[in-house]
Amino acid sequence: MKYRFDVRGDTLHVNVSDVLTFEDHEAFNPVVREIENGPDPNVIMNLQELKMVDSAGIGLLLLASDRAKKKGKSLKVSNLTGHVAVVAELFKFDQLVDVVN
C-alpha cells in the first residue's frame, strides 16, 4: 500500500494506491493518525489507484471512517473501481461509509 496526503481548503485528500490487505495494517496507521489528529474537518479517501482490497483492507477503511466520526469529521470514500468496487459491493460498503464517485 502507498498513500499520499493533499490538503485543499478544509479537506484532507488521502490517495491510497496499490493493494490494501491485512499485511498493510501497520502501514495504514499513519493514515488513521492524520485523519484523527489533522486539523481538517473533511476527509476524502480516493481509491482510484487502489487495485485490490481484501476483507482486512475493508476493515481498515471502516476503522478510518469510525475514527473520523469520533473526532466529528466527515469522511467520504471516492472512486471505487474494478476489483475494489466488486469487493465493496459484496460487503455493502456503501451502507457503512459515505461513498461518492
N, C-alpha and C. Protein backbone atom coordinates (compact mmCIF):
# COMPACT_ATOMS: atom_id res chain seq x y z
N MET A 1 0.83 -1.17 0.00
CA MET A 1 0.00 0.00 0.00
C MET A 1 0.88 1.24 0.00
N LYS A 2 0.45 2.19 -0.78
CA LYS A 2 1.08 3.51 -0.79
C LYS A 2 -0.02 4.53 -0.54
N TYR A 3 0.37 5.66 0.04
CA TYR A 3 -0.60 6.73 0.25
C TYR A 3 0.10 8.07 0.15
N ARG A 4 -0.69 9.08 -0.14
CA ARG A 4 -0.18 10.44 -0.09
C ARG A 4 -1.32 11.35 0.35
N PHE A 5 -0.93 12.42 1.03
CA PHE A 5 -1.89 13.39 1.55
C PHE A 5 -1.83 14.64 0.69
N ASP A 6 -2.98 15.24 0.51
CA ASP A 6 -3.09 16.50 -0.21
C ASP A 6 -4.20 17.30 0.48
N VAL A 7 -3.87 18.49 0.97
CA VAL A 7 -4.87 19.32 1.63
C VAL A 7 -5.31 20.40 0.66
N ARG A 8 -6.64 20.49 0.49
CA ARG A 8 -7.24 21.54 -0.34
C ARG A 8 -8.34 22.20 0.48
N GLY A 9 -8.09 23.44 0.86
CA GLY A 9 -9.05 24.15 1.70
C GLY A 9 -9.14 23.47 3.05
N ASP A 10 -10.36 23.09 3.43
CA ASP A 10 -10.56 22.41 4.72
C ASP A 10 -10.73 20.90 4.56
N THR A 11 -10.22 20.37 3.45
CA THR A 11 -10.40 18.95 3.14
C THR A 11 -9.05 18.25 2.97
N LEU A 12 -8.88 17.18 3.72
CA LEU A 12 -7.72 16.30 3.57
C LEU A 12 -8.07 15.24 2.54
N HIS A 13 -7.29 15.19 1.46
CA HIS A 13 -7.45 14.15 0.45
C HIS A 13 -6.39 13.09 0.72
N VAL A 14 -6.83 11.85 0.89
CA VAL A 14 -5.92 10.73 1.11
C VAL A 14 -6.02 9.84 -0.13
N ASN A 15 -4.94 9.76 -0.87
CA ASN A 15 -4.91 8.93 -2.07
C ASN A 15 -4.21 7.62 -1.74
N VAL A 16 -4.96 6.52 -1.83
CA VAL A 16 -4.43 5.20 -1.49
C VAL A 16 -4.25 4.42 -2.79
N SER A 17 -3.07 3.79 -2.94
CA SER A 17 -2.80 3.07 -4.19
C SER A 17 -2.21 1.68 -3.91
N ASP A 18 -2.10 0.92 -4.97
CA ASP A 18 -1.60 -0.46 -4.98
C ASP A 18 -2.62 -1.41 -4.36
N VAL A 19 -2.28 -2.06 -3.25
CA VAL A 19 -3.20 -3.01 -2.61
C VAL A 19 -3.36 -2.65 -1.14
N LEU A 20 -4.52 -3.00 -0.58
CA LEU A 20 -4.78 -2.77 0.84
C LEU A 20 -5.27 -4.10 1.43
N THR A 21 -4.38 -4.74 2.19
CA THR A 21 -4.66 -6.06 2.75
C THR A 21 -4.27 -6.10 4.22
N PHE A 22 -4.45 -7.25 4.84
CA PHE A 22 -4.08 -7.44 6.24
C PHE A 22 -2.63 -7.03 6.48
N GLU A 23 -1.77 -7.34 5.55
CA GLU A 23 -0.35 -7.02 5.71
C GLU A 23 -0.08 -5.52 5.81
N ASP A 24 -1.04 -4.71 5.44
CA ASP A 24 -0.87 -3.25 5.46
C ASP A 24 -1.39 -2.59 6.73
N HIS A 25 -1.83 -3.38 7.71
CA HIS A 25 -2.45 -2.76 8.88
C HIS A 25 -1.51 -1.82 9.62
N GLU A 26 -0.23 -2.13 9.72
CA GLU A 26 0.70 -1.22 10.38
C GLU A 26 1.02 -0.01 9.50
N ALA A 27 1.16 -0.23 8.22
CA ALA A 27 1.45 0.87 7.30
C ALA A 27 0.29 1.85 7.19
N PHE A 28 -0.92 1.40 7.54
CA PHE A 28 -2.11 2.24 7.46
C PHE A 28 -2.25 3.15 8.68
N ASN A 29 -1.53 2.84 9.76
CA ASN A 29 -1.64 3.63 10.99
C ASN A 29 -1.40 5.12 10.79
N PRO A 30 -0.38 5.55 10.01
CA PRO A 30 -0.19 7.00 9.81
C PRO A 30 -1.39 7.67 9.13
N VAL A 31 -2.09 6.93 8.28
CA VAL A 31 -3.28 7.47 7.64
C VAL A 31 -4.35 7.74 8.69
N VAL A 32 -4.58 6.76 9.56
CA VAL A 32 -5.58 6.93 10.61
C VAL A 32 -5.20 8.07 11.55
N ARG A 33 -3.92 8.14 11.91
CA ARG A 33 -3.47 9.22 12.80
C ARG A 33 -3.67 10.60 12.18
N GLU A 34 -3.37 10.73 10.90
CA GLU A 34 -3.56 12.02 10.23
C GLU A 34 -5.04 12.40 10.18
N ILE A 35 -5.89 11.41 9.92
CA ILE A 35 -7.33 11.67 9.92
C ILE A 35 -7.78 12.11 11.31
N GLU A 36 -7.33 11.42 12.33
CA GLU A 36 -7.72 11.74 13.70
C GLU A 36 -7.18 13.08 14.18
N ASN A 37 -5.91 13.32 13.94
CA ASN A 37 -5.21 14.44 14.57
C ASN A 37 -5.04 15.66 13.69
N GLY A 38 -5.26 15.51 12.40
CA GLY A 38 -5.12 16.65 11.50
C GLY A 38 -6.22 17.67 11.72
N PRO A 39 -5.99 18.91 11.29
CA PRO A 39 -6.95 19.98 11.55
C PRO A 39 -8.15 19.99 10.61
N ASP A 40 -8.10 19.21 9.55
CA ASP A 40 -9.13 19.28 8.51
C ASP A 40 -10.40 18.56 8.91
N PRO A 41 -11.57 19.25 8.85
CA PRO A 41 -12.83 18.62 9.26
C PRO A 41 -13.41 17.65 8.23
N ASN A 42 -12.92 17.73 7.01
CA ASN A 42 -13.42 16.88 5.93
C ASN A 42 -12.29 16.02 5.38
N VAL A 43 -12.62 14.76 5.10
CA VAL A 43 -11.63 13.82 4.55
C VAL A 43 -12.25 13.12 3.35
N ILE A 44 -11.52 13.09 2.26
CA ILE A 44 -11.91 12.29 1.10
C ILE A 44 -10.81 11.28 0.86
N MET A 45 -11.18 10.01 0.92
CA MET A 45 -10.23 8.94 0.68
C MET A 45 -10.43 8.46 -0.76
N ASN A 46 -9.48 8.79 -1.61
CA ASN A 46 -9.56 8.48 -3.03
C ASN A 46 -8.92 7.11 -3.29
N LEU A 47 -9.72 6.17 -3.78
CA LEU A 47 -9.24 4.81 -4.03
C LEU A 47 -9.07 4.51 -5.51
N GLN A 48 -9.02 5.54 -6.32
CA GLN A 48 -8.92 5.35 -7.78
C GLN A 48 -7.73 4.50 -8.18
N GLU A 49 -6.61 4.64 -7.49
CA GLU A 49 -5.40 3.90 -7.84
C GLU A 49 -5.22 2.61 -7.03
N LEU A 50 -6.22 2.27 -6.22
CA LEU A 50 -6.17 1.03 -5.45
C LEU A 50 -6.61 -0.11 -6.35
N LYS A 51 -5.75 -1.10 -6.51
CA LYS A 51 -6.03 -2.19 -7.46
C LYS A 51 -6.69 -3.40 -6.81
N MET A 52 -6.45 -3.59 -5.50
CA MET A 52 -7.00 -4.76 -4.82
C MET A 52 -7.18 -4.47 -3.35
N VAL A 53 -8.25 -5.01 -2.78
CA VAL A 53 -8.52 -4.89 -1.35
C VAL A 53 -9.09 -6.22 -0.87
N ASP A 54 -8.72 -6.63 0.34
CA ASP A 54 -9.31 -7.83 0.93
C ASP A 54 -10.20 -7.42 2.10
N SER A 55 -10.73 -8.39 2.82
CA SER A 55 -11.65 -8.08 3.92
C SER A 55 -10.96 -7.26 5.00
N ALA A 56 -9.68 -7.52 5.26
CA ALA A 56 -8.95 -6.73 6.25
C ALA A 56 -8.78 -5.30 5.77
N GLY A 57 -8.56 -5.12 4.49
CA GLY A 57 -8.46 -3.77 3.92
C GLY A 57 -9.76 -3.00 4.07
N ILE A 58 -10.88 -3.69 3.84
CA ILE A 58 -12.19 -3.07 4.07
C ILE A 58 -12.30 -2.67 5.55
N GLY A 59 -11.82 -3.54 6.43
CA GLY A 59 -11.83 -3.24 7.86
C GLY A 59 -11.00 -2.01 8.18
N LEU A 60 -9.86 -1.83 7.52
CA LEU A 60 -9.04 -0.65 7.74
C LEU A 60 -9.76 0.62 7.30
N LEU A 61 -10.46 0.54 6.19
CA LEU A 61 -11.23 1.69 5.73
C LEU A 61 -12.36 2.02 6.70
N LEU A 62 -13.00 0.98 7.24
CA LEU A 62 -14.05 1.20 8.24
C LEU A 62 -13.48 1.81 9.51
N LEU A 63 -12.29 1.36 9.90
CA LEU A 63 -11.62 1.94 11.07
C LEU A 63 -11.36 3.43 10.86
N ALA A 64 -10.86 3.80 9.69
CA ALA A 64 -10.61 5.21 9.39
C ALA A 64 -11.89 6.02 9.46
N SER A 65 -12.97 5.47 8.93
CA SER A 65 -14.26 6.15 8.98
C SER A 65 -14.74 6.32 10.42
N ASP A 66 -14.62 5.26 11.20
CA ASP A 66 -15.04 5.30 12.60
C ASP A 66 -14.25 6.34 13.40
N ARG A 67 -12.95 6.37 13.20
CA ARG A 67 -12.10 7.34 13.91
C ARG A 67 -12.45 8.77 13.50
N ALA A 68 -12.73 8.97 12.22
CA ALA A 68 -13.12 10.30 11.75
C ALA A 68 -14.42 10.74 12.43
N LYS A 69 -15.40 9.85 12.47
CA LYS A 69 -16.69 10.17 13.11
C LYS A 69 -16.51 10.51 14.58
N LYS A 70 -15.66 9.76 15.27
CA LYS A 70 -15.43 10.02 16.69
C LYS A 70 -14.81 11.39 16.93
N LYS A 71 -14.11 11.91 15.93
CA LYS A 71 -13.49 13.24 16.03
C LYS A 71 -14.41 14.33 15.44
N GLY A 72 -15.62 13.93 15.05
CA GLY A 72 -16.56 14.90 14.49
C GLY A 72 -16.25 15.30 13.06
N LYS A 73 -15.54 14.45 12.35
CA LYS A 73 -15.15 14.76 10.98
C LYS A 73 -16.00 13.99 9.98
N SER A 74 -16.05 14.51 8.78
CA SER A 74 -16.76 13.87 7.68
C SER A 74 -15.75 13.12 6.82
N LEU A 75 -15.95 11.82 6.61
CA LEU A 75 -15.08 11.04 5.74
C LEU A 75 -15.91 10.45 4.61
N LYS A 76 -15.44 10.67 3.40
CA LYS A 76 -16.08 10.09 2.22
C LYS A 76 -15.03 9.29 1.46
N VAL A 77 -15.47 8.19 0.87
CA VAL A 77 -14.60 7.35 0.06
C VAL A 77 -15.01 7.56 -1.40
N SER A 78 -14.03 7.79 -2.26
CA SER A 78 -14.36 8.08 -3.66
C SER A 78 -13.60 7.16 -4.62
N ASN A 79 -14.16 7.08 -5.81
CA ASN A 79 -13.53 6.40 -6.95
C ASN A 79 -13.27 4.92 -6.73
N LEU A 80 -14.31 4.20 -6.35
CA LEU A 80 -14.22 2.74 -6.26
C LEU A 80 -14.34 2.18 -7.67
N THR A 81 -13.33 1.46 -8.12
CA THR A 81 -13.35 0.90 -9.47
C THR A 81 -12.86 -0.54 -9.45
N GLY A 82 -13.15 -1.27 -10.51
CA GLY A 82 -12.63 -2.62 -10.72
C GLY A 82 -12.86 -3.55 -9.55
N HIS A 83 -11.81 -4.28 -9.17
CA HIS A 83 -11.88 -5.25 -8.09
C HIS A 83 -12.34 -4.61 -6.78
N VAL A 84 -11.87 -3.42 -6.51
CA VAL A 84 -12.22 -2.73 -5.27
C VAL A 84 -13.73 -2.47 -5.22
N ALA A 85 -14.30 -2.07 -6.33
CA ALA A 85 -15.75 -1.82 -6.39
C ALA A 85 -16.53 -3.11 -6.17
N VAL A 86 -16.05 -4.21 -6.73
CA VAL A 86 -16.73 -5.51 -6.57
C VAL A 86 -16.71 -5.94 -5.10
N VAL A 87 -15.55 -5.85 -4.47
CA VAL A 87 -15.43 -6.24 -3.06
C VAL A 87 -16.29 -5.32 -2.20
N ALA A 88 -16.25 -4.02 -2.47
CA ALA A 88 -17.06 -3.07 -1.71
C ALA A 88 -18.54 -3.40 -1.82
N GLU A 89 -18.98 -3.81 -3.01
CA GLU A 89 -20.38 -4.17 -3.20
C GLU A 89 -20.73 -5.43 -2.40
N LEU A 90 -19.82 -6.41 -2.40
CA LEU A 90 -20.07 -7.64 -1.64
C LEU A 90 -20.24 -7.35 -0.14
N PHE A 91 -19.49 -6.39 0.36
CA PHE A 91 -19.55 -6.03 1.78
C PHE A 91 -20.60 -4.98 2.08
N LYS A 92 -21.33 -4.53 1.04
CA LYS A 92 -22.31 -3.46 1.19
C LYS A 92 -21.67 -2.25 1.86
N PHE A 93 -20.47 -1.95 1.39
CA PHE A 93 -19.64 -0.90 1.94
C PHE A 93 -20.34 0.46 1.94
N ASP A 94 -21.15 0.71 0.90
CA ASP A 94 -21.84 1.99 0.79
C ASP A 94 -22.92 2.19 1.86
N GLN A 95 -23.29 1.11 2.55
CA GLN A 95 -24.24 1.24 3.65
C GLN A 95 -23.54 1.56 4.97
N LEU A 96 -22.20 1.45 4.98
CA LEU A 96 -21.42 1.68 6.18
C LEU A 96 -20.62 2.98 6.13
N VAL A 97 -20.26 3.40 4.92
CA VAL A 97 -19.41 4.57 4.71
C VAL A 97 -20.02 5.39 3.59
N ASP A 98 -19.85 6.70 3.65
CA ASP A 98 -20.34 7.58 2.59
C ASP A 98 -19.43 7.41 1.38
N VAL A 99 -19.99 6.87 0.28
CA VAL A 99 -19.23 6.62 -0.95
C VAL A 99 -19.71 7.58 -2.03
N VAL A 100 -18.74 8.25 -2.64
CA VAL A 100 -19.05 9.15 -3.76
C VAL A 100 -18.16 8.76 -4.94
N ASN A 101 -18.70 8.88 -6.14
CA ASN A 101 -17.89 8.55 -7.34
C ASN A 101 -17.95 9.62 -8.36
